[in-house]
Amino acid sequence: MNISLQYCHVTVHDVDEAIPFYRDALGLAVRNDVAGGGHRWVTLGSDSQPGAEIVLSDPHAGRSEQDGNAMQELLAKGVLPMTIFTTDDVDALFERVRATGAEVLQEPIDQPWGPRDCAFRDPSGNMVRINQAA
């Protein structure tokens, strides 16, 4: 039996504001853009890992008012789970993302547990880490 990740949701304040970070800075391609109920879901993926995609949506998309408000509060605090990407050249990707003006949290360093990695915040304040295997 095989199992693989298909979607990972990333909650953002503004989908339009988040798309350039994930598309242009990280190099993901927009796969789908769906509007419904006054909200929008945009999926992005990488040609190097077909089938695995992230889904950008606002805090209230597909949630009750109360749950959406709770997600919005967590997003505003910057405490939603981070998203971690992997690349074969973390230094080059770091420079490309930094050149877009993204907030740098950590320049590339070799971690004691193995990977070389760096970290940014997306436009909504979500932490995005980028790893390169040792």
N, C-alpha and C. Protein backbone atom coordinates (compact mmCIF):
# COMPACT_ATOMS: atom_id res chain seq x y z
N MET A 1 0.85 -1.18 0.00
CA MET A 1 0.00 0.00 0.00
C MET A 1 0.89 1.24 0.00
N ASN A 2 0.54 2.22 -0.83
CA ASN A 2 1.25 3.50 -0.90
C ASN A 2 0.39 4.59 -0.27
N ILE A 3 1.06 5.56 0.31
CA ILE A 3 0.37 6.73 0.84
C ILE A 3 1.24 7.94 0.54
N SER A 4 0.61 9.04 0.18
CA SER A 4 1.37 10.26 -0.09
C SER A 4 0.51 11.46 0.26
N LEU A 5 1.18 12.57 0.55
CA LEU A 5 0.48 13.81 0.88
C LEU A 5 -0.06 14.43 -0.39
N GLN A 6 -1.32 14.85 -0.37
CA GLN A 6 -1.89 15.51 -1.54
C GLN A 6 -2.02 17.01 -1.31
N TYR A 7 -2.61 17.43 -0.19
CA TYR A 7 -2.82 18.85 0.09
C TYR A 7 -2.38 19.20 1.49
N CYS A 8 -1.85 20.39 1.64
CA CYS A 8 -1.52 20.97 2.94
C CYS A 8 -2.10 22.38 2.92
N HIS A 9 -2.94 22.72 3.88
CA HIS A 9 -3.60 24.02 3.91
C HIS A 9 -2.74 25.06 4.63
N VAL A 10 -2.68 26.24 4.04
CA VAL A 10 -2.00 27.39 4.64
C VAL A 10 -3.02 28.52 4.71
N THR A 11 -3.33 28.94 5.91
CA THR A 11 -4.30 30.01 6.12
C THR A 11 -3.59 31.34 6.02
N VAL A 12 -4.14 32.24 5.21
CA VAL A 12 -3.54 33.56 4.99
C VAL A 12 -4.61 34.64 5.14
N HIS A 13 -4.17 35.85 5.45
CA HIS A 13 -5.11 36.97 5.56
C HIS A 13 -5.74 37.31 4.21
N ASP A 14 -4.91 37.30 3.17
CA ASP A 14 -5.34 37.75 1.85
C ASP A 14 -4.70 36.83 0.80
N VAL A 15 -5.51 36.04 0.12
CA VAL A 15 -5.01 35.09 -0.87
C VAL A 15 -4.24 35.81 -1.97
N ASP A 16 -4.77 36.93 -2.47
CA ASP A 16 -4.09 37.67 -3.54
C ASP A 16 -2.71 38.16 -3.11
N GLU A 17 -2.59 38.57 -1.86
CA GLU A 17 -1.31 39.04 -1.35
C GLU A 17 -0.32 37.88 -1.17
N ALA A 18 -0.83 36.70 -0.85
CA ALA A 18 0.04 35.54 -0.60
C ALA A 18 0.54 34.87 -1.87
N ILE A 19 -0.24 34.94 -2.94
CA ILE A 19 0.14 34.24 -4.18
C ILE A 19 1.54 34.61 -4.66
N PRO A 20 1.93 35.89 -4.76
CA PRO A 20 3.28 36.19 -5.26
C PRO A 20 4.39 35.57 -4.42
N PHE A 21 4.22 35.48 -3.11
CA PHE A 21 5.25 34.86 -2.27
C PHE A 21 5.41 33.38 -2.64
N TYR A 22 4.32 32.65 -2.69
CA TYR A 22 4.39 31.22 -2.96
C TYR A 22 4.68 30.91 -4.43
N ARG A 23 4.17 31.73 -5.33
CA ARG A 23 4.37 31.50 -6.77
C ARG A 23 5.71 32.06 -7.24
N ASP A 24 5.93 33.35 -7.03
CA ASP A 24 7.11 34.02 -7.59
C ASP A 24 8.36 33.79 -6.75
N ALA A 25 8.26 33.95 -5.44
CA ALA A 25 9.45 33.81 -4.59
C ALA A 25 9.86 32.34 -4.44
N LEU A 26 8.90 31.46 -4.12
CA LEU A 26 9.23 30.05 -3.92
C LEU A 26 9.23 29.25 -5.21
N GLY A 27 8.60 29.77 -6.25
CA GLY A 27 8.63 29.08 -7.53
C GLY A 27 7.56 28.02 -7.73
N LEU A 28 6.49 28.07 -6.94
CA LEU A 28 5.40 27.11 -7.12
C LEU A 28 4.47 27.60 -8.23
N ALA A 29 3.79 26.68 -8.86
CA ALA A 29 2.87 27.02 -9.94
C ALA A 29 1.43 26.95 -9.44
N VAL A 30 0.61 27.92 -9.84
CA VAL A 30 -0.81 27.89 -9.49
C VAL A 30 -1.45 26.75 -10.28
N ARG A 31 -2.11 25.85 -9.55
CA ARG A 31 -2.75 24.70 -10.17
C ARG A 31 -4.26 24.87 -10.30
N ASN A 32 -4.85 25.54 -9.31
CA ASN A 32 -6.30 25.68 -9.29
C ASN A 32 -6.67 26.94 -8.52
N ASP A 33 -7.72 27.60 -8.93
CA ASP A 33 -8.20 28.82 -8.27
C ASP A 33 -9.72 28.72 -8.24
N VAL A 34 -10.26 28.48 -7.05
CA VAL A 34 -11.69 28.21 -6.91
C VAL A 34 -12.32 29.22 -5.97
N ALA A 35 -13.39 29.85 -6.43
CA ALA A 35 -14.15 30.78 -5.59
C ALA A 35 -15.45 30.12 -5.20
N GLY A 36 -15.89 30.42 -3.98
CA GLY A 36 -17.17 29.89 -3.52
C GLY A 36 -17.56 30.49 -2.20
N GLY A 37 -18.81 30.90 -2.09
CA GLY A 37 -19.30 31.44 -0.82
C GLY A 37 -18.58 32.68 -0.36
N GLY A 38 -18.10 33.48 -1.30
CA GLY A 38 -17.39 34.71 -0.93
C GLY A 38 -15.95 34.48 -0.53
N HIS A 39 -15.43 33.27 -0.73
CA HIS A 39 -14.05 32.95 -0.37
C HIS A 39 -13.35 32.35 -1.59
N ARG A 40 -12.06 32.10 -1.43
CA ARG A 40 -11.25 31.57 -2.52
C ARG A 40 -10.24 30.58 -2.00
N TRP A 41 -10.03 29.52 -2.75
CA TRP A 41 -9.00 28.53 -2.46
C TRP A 41 -8.09 28.47 -3.67
N VAL A 42 -6.79 28.66 -3.46
CA VAL A 42 -5.83 28.58 -4.55
C VAL A 42 -4.83 27.49 -4.21
N THR A 43 -4.67 26.53 -5.12
CA THR A 43 -3.69 25.47 -4.90
C THR A 43 -2.45 25.77 -5.75
N LEU A 44 -1.30 25.49 -5.15
CA LEU A 44 -0.02 25.67 -5.84
C LEU A 44 0.81 24.42 -5.63
N GLY A 45 1.61 24.08 -6.62
CA GLY A 45 2.44 22.89 -6.53
C GLY A 45 3.74 23.06 -7.27
N SER A 46 4.58 22.04 -7.15
CA SER A 46 5.89 22.03 -7.78
C SER A 46 5.96 20.90 -8.79
N ASP A 47 6.57 21.17 -9.93
CA ASP A 47 6.75 20.12 -10.93
C ASP A 47 7.66 19.00 -10.41
N SER A 48 8.54 19.33 -9.46
CA SER A 48 9.45 18.31 -8.93
C SER A 48 8.76 17.35 -7.96
N GLN A 49 7.56 17.69 -7.51
CA GLN A 49 6.80 16.81 -6.62
C GLN A 49 5.33 16.82 -7.05
N PRO A 50 5.04 16.22 -8.21
CA PRO A 50 3.66 16.24 -8.69
C PRO A 50 2.70 15.57 -7.72
N GLY A 51 1.53 16.17 -7.60
CA GLY A 51 0.51 15.59 -6.73
C GLY A 51 0.44 16.23 -5.37
N ALA A 52 1.55 16.75 -4.84
CA ALA A 52 1.54 17.41 -3.54
C ALA A 52 1.36 18.91 -3.76
N GLU A 53 0.34 19.48 -3.13
CA GLU A 53 0.05 20.89 -3.32
C GLU A 53 -0.28 21.56 -1.99
N ILE A 54 -0.04 22.88 -1.94
CA ILE A 54 -0.52 23.65 -0.80
C ILE A 54 -1.79 24.37 -1.24
N VAL A 55 -2.66 24.63 -0.30
CA VAL A 55 -3.91 25.32 -0.55
C VAL A 55 -3.92 26.59 0.27
N LEU A 56 -3.99 27.73 -0.38
CA LEU A 56 -4.10 29.02 0.31
C LEU A 56 -5.57 29.37 0.46
N SER A 57 -5.96 29.76 1.65
CA SER A 57 -7.33 30.21 1.88
C SER A 57 -7.35 31.16 3.07
N ASP A 58 -8.42 31.96 3.15
CA ASP A 58 -8.54 32.89 4.27
C ASP A 58 -9.12 32.17 5.49
N PRO A 59 -9.03 32.77 6.67
CA PRO A 59 -9.45 32.10 7.89
C PRO A 59 -10.91 31.63 7.91
N HIS A 60 -11.80 32.31 7.20
CA HIS A 60 -13.21 31.95 7.25
C HIS A 60 -13.64 30.99 6.14
N ALA A 61 -12.75 30.68 5.20
CA ALA A 61 -13.10 29.80 4.08
C ALA A 61 -13.39 28.38 4.59
N GLY A 62 -14.64 27.96 4.38
CA GLY A 62 -15.03 26.61 4.77
C GLY A 62 -15.19 26.39 6.27
N ARG A 63 -15.26 27.48 7.03
CA ARG A 63 -15.38 27.37 8.49
C ARG A 63 -16.57 28.19 8.97
N SER A 64 -17.03 27.85 10.15
CA SER A 64 -18.09 28.64 10.77
C SER A 64 -17.52 30.01 11.15
N GLU A 65 -18.38 30.96 11.42
CA GLU A 65 -17.95 32.30 11.84
C GLU A 65 -17.04 32.21 13.06
N GLN A 66 -17.46 31.41 14.05
CA GLN A 66 -16.70 31.28 15.29
C GLN A 66 -15.33 30.65 15.03
N ASP A 67 -15.27 29.59 14.26
CA ASP A 67 -14.00 28.94 13.96
C ASP A 67 -13.11 29.84 13.12
N GLY A 68 -13.70 30.53 12.14
CA GLY A 68 -12.94 31.47 11.32
C GLY A 68 -12.34 32.59 12.15
N ASN A 69 -13.10 33.09 13.11
CA ASN A 69 -12.58 34.13 14.00
C ASN A 69 -11.42 33.62 14.83
N ALA A 70 -11.53 32.38 15.32
CA ALA A 70 -10.45 31.78 16.10
C ALA A 70 -9.19 31.61 15.24
N MET A 71 -9.37 31.15 13.99
CA MET A 71 -8.23 31.00 13.09
C MET A 71 -7.59 32.36 12.79
N GLN A 72 -8.43 33.36 12.61
CA GLN A 72 -7.92 34.71 12.33
C GLN A 72 -7.08 35.22 13.49
N GLU A 73 -7.50 34.96 14.72
CA GLU A 73 -6.73 35.37 15.89
C GLU A 73 -5.39 34.66 15.95
N LEU A 74 -5.38 33.34 15.68
CA LEU A 74 -4.13 32.58 15.69
C LEU A 74 -3.20 33.05 14.58
N LEU A 75 -3.75 33.34 13.42
CA LEU A 75 -2.95 33.84 12.30
C LEU A 75 -2.33 35.19 12.66
N ALA A 76 -3.12 36.07 13.27
CA ALA A 76 -2.62 37.39 13.67
C ALA A 76 -1.49 37.29 14.68
N LYS A 77 -1.53 36.27 15.53
CA LYS A 77 -0.48 36.06 16.53
C LYS A 77 0.76 35.40 15.93
N GLY A 78 0.64 34.85 14.73
CA GLY A 78 1.76 34.17 14.10
C GLY A 78 2.07 32.82 14.69
N VAL A 79 1.03 32.14 15.20
CA VAL A 79 1.27 30.86 15.88
C VAL A 79 0.69 29.65 15.15
N LEU A 80 0.28 29.83 13.90
CA LEU A 80 -0.17 28.67 13.13
C LEU A 80 1.05 27.82 12.76
N PRO A 81 0.87 26.55 12.51
CA PRO A 81 2.02 25.68 12.19
C PRO A 81 2.80 26.18 10.97
N MET A 82 4.11 25.99 11.03
CA MET A 82 4.96 26.39 9.92
C MET A 82 4.83 25.41 8.76
N THR A 83 5.25 25.86 7.59
CA THR A 83 5.33 25.03 6.41
C THR A 83 6.80 24.86 6.08
N ILE A 84 7.22 23.64 5.79
CA ILE A 84 8.63 23.37 5.51
C ILE A 84 8.76 22.79 4.11
N PHE A 85 9.59 23.44 3.31
CA PHE A 85 9.89 23.00 1.95
C PHE A 85 11.31 22.45 1.93
N THR A 86 11.62 21.65 0.92
CA THR A 86 12.99 21.18 0.72
C THR A 86 13.44 21.54 -0.68
N THR A 87 14.72 21.79 -0.83
CA THR A 87 15.30 22.16 -2.12
C THR A 87 16.69 21.56 -2.24
N ASP A 88 17.20 21.54 -3.45
CA ASP A 88 18.56 21.04 -3.63
C ASP A 88 19.60 22.16 -3.54
N ASP A 89 19.15 23.42 -3.43
CA ASP A 89 20.07 24.57 -3.31
C ASP A 89 19.43 25.65 -2.44
N VAL A 90 19.55 25.48 -1.13
CA VAL A 90 18.91 26.41 -0.20
C VAL A 90 19.48 27.81 -0.30
N ASP A 91 20.77 27.94 -0.59
CA ASP A 91 21.38 29.27 -0.67
C ASP A 91 20.82 30.07 -1.85
N ALA A 92 20.68 29.42 -3.00
CA ALA A 92 20.13 30.10 -4.17
C ALA A 92 18.66 30.47 -3.96
N LEU A 93 17.89 29.55 -3.39
CA LEU A 93 16.48 29.84 -3.14
C LEU A 93 16.34 30.94 -2.09
N PHE A 94 17.19 30.92 -1.06
CA PHE A 94 17.18 31.98 -0.06
C PHE A 94 17.37 33.35 -0.73
N GLU A 95 18.35 33.46 -1.61
CA GLU A 95 18.61 34.74 -2.27
C GLU A 95 17.43 35.17 -3.14
N ARG A 96 16.80 34.22 -3.82
CA ARG A 96 15.65 34.55 -4.66
C ARG A 96 14.49 35.06 -3.81
N VAL A 97 14.22 34.38 -2.68
CA VAL A 97 13.10 34.79 -1.82
C VAL A 97 13.43 36.14 -1.16
N ARG A 98 14.65 36.29 -0.67
CA ARG A 98 15.03 37.55 -0.03
C ARG A 98 14.91 38.72 -1.00
N ALA A 99 15.26 38.50 -2.26
CA ALA A 99 15.20 39.57 -3.27
C ALA A 99 13.77 40.08 -3.49
N THR A 100 12.76 39.29 -3.11
CA THR A 100 11.37 39.73 -3.26
C THR A 100 10.93 40.63 -2.11
N GLY A 101 11.79 40.77 -1.10
CA GLY A 101 11.44 41.60 0.05
C GLY A 101 10.78 40.84 1.19
N ALA A 102 10.74 39.52 1.10
CA ALA A 102 10.13 38.72 2.17
C ALA A 102 10.91 38.92 3.47
N GLU A 103 10.20 38.85 4.59
CA GLU A 103 10.83 39.00 5.89
C GLU A 103 11.71 37.78 6.19
N VAL A 104 12.99 38.01 6.38
CA VAL A 104 13.94 36.95 6.69
C VAL A 104 13.93 36.71 8.19
N LEU A 105 13.72 35.45 8.59
CA LEU A 105 13.80 35.07 10.00
C LEU A 105 15.15 34.44 10.32
N GLN A 106 15.73 33.74 9.34
CA GLN A 106 17.01 33.08 9.55
C GLN A 106 17.71 32.89 8.21
N GLU A 107 18.92 33.37 8.11
CA GLU A 107 19.72 33.13 6.91
C GLU A 107 20.13 31.66 6.90
N PRO A 108 20.57 31.14 5.75
CA PRO A 108 20.95 29.72 5.70
C PRO A 108 22.07 29.39 6.69
N ILE A 109 21.84 28.33 7.45
CA ILE A 109 22.86 27.81 8.38
C ILE A 109 22.79 26.29 8.37
N ASP A 110 23.90 25.68 8.77
CA ASP A 110 23.94 24.22 8.92
C ASP A 110 23.46 23.89 10.32
N GLN A 111 22.38 23.15 10.42
CA GLN A 111 21.80 22.79 11.71
C GLN A 111 22.54 21.58 12.30
N PRO A 112 22.64 21.51 13.63
CA PRO A 112 23.33 20.38 14.25
C PRO A 112 22.66 19.02 13.98
N TRP A 113 21.36 19.04 13.66
CA TRP A 113 20.64 17.79 13.40
C TRP A 113 20.70 17.38 11.93
N GLY A 114 21.41 18.15 11.08
CA GLY A 114 21.63 17.69 9.72
C GLY A 114 21.40 18.65 8.59
N PRO A 115 20.20 19.20 8.42
CA PRO A 115 19.98 19.99 7.21
C PRO A 115 20.58 21.39 7.28
N ARG A 116 20.81 21.95 6.14
CA ARG A 116 21.10 23.37 6.01
C ARG A 116 19.75 24.00 5.74
N ASP A 117 19.39 25.06 6.48
CA ASP A 117 18.07 25.64 6.27
C ASP A 117 18.05 27.13 6.52
N CYS A 118 16.91 27.73 6.14
CA CYS A 118 16.66 29.15 6.35
C CYS A 118 15.18 29.31 6.65
N ALA A 119 14.77 30.53 7.02
CA ALA A 119 13.36 30.74 7.36
C ALA A 119 12.93 32.15 6.99
N PHE A 120 11.66 32.24 6.58
CA PHE A 120 11.02 33.50 6.21
C PHE A 120 9.64 33.56 6.84
N ARG A 121 9.01 34.73 6.77
CA ARG A 121 7.58 34.87 7.05
C ARG A 121 6.91 35.19 5.72
N ASP A 122 5.76 34.56 5.49
CA ASP A 122 4.98 34.92 4.29
C ASP A 122 4.26 36.23 4.60
N PRO A 123 3.56 36.83 3.65
CA PRO A 123 2.90 38.12 3.89
C PRO A 123 1.88 38.12 5.02
N SER A 124 1.38 36.93 5.41
CA SER A 124 0.42 36.85 6.52
C SER A 124 1.10 36.56 7.85
N GLY A 125 2.41 36.38 7.86
CA GLY A 125 3.13 36.12 9.11
C GLY A 125 3.39 34.65 9.38
N ASN A 126 2.99 33.75 8.48
CA ASN A 126 3.27 32.33 8.66
C ASN A 126 4.76 32.07 8.47
N MET A 127 5.34 31.22 9.32
CA MET A 127 6.73 30.85 9.15
C MET A 127 6.85 29.81 8.05
N VAL A 128 7.81 30.06 7.14
CA VAL A 128 8.13 29.14 6.07
C VAL A 128 9.61 28.81 6.19
N ARG A 129 9.92 27.54 6.38
CA ARG A 129 11.31 27.09 6.45
C ARG A 129 11.65 26.37 5.15
N ILE A 130 12.91 26.48 4.75
CA ILE A 130 13.39 25.81 3.55
C ILE A 130 14.63 25.02 3.94
N ASN A 131 14.57 23.70 3.72
CA ASN A 131 15.66 22.80 4.08
C ASN A 131 16.39 22.29 2.84
N GLN A 132 17.67 22.00 3.07
CA GLN A 132 18.46 21.26 2.08
C GLN A 132 19.12 20.13 2.84
N ALA A 133 18.96 18.92 2.36
CA ALA A 133 19.54 17.77 3.06
C ALA A 133 21.05 17.91 3.15
N ALA A 134 21.59 17.39 4.24
CA ALA A 134 23.05 17.46 4.47
C ALA A 134 23.78 16.62 3.44
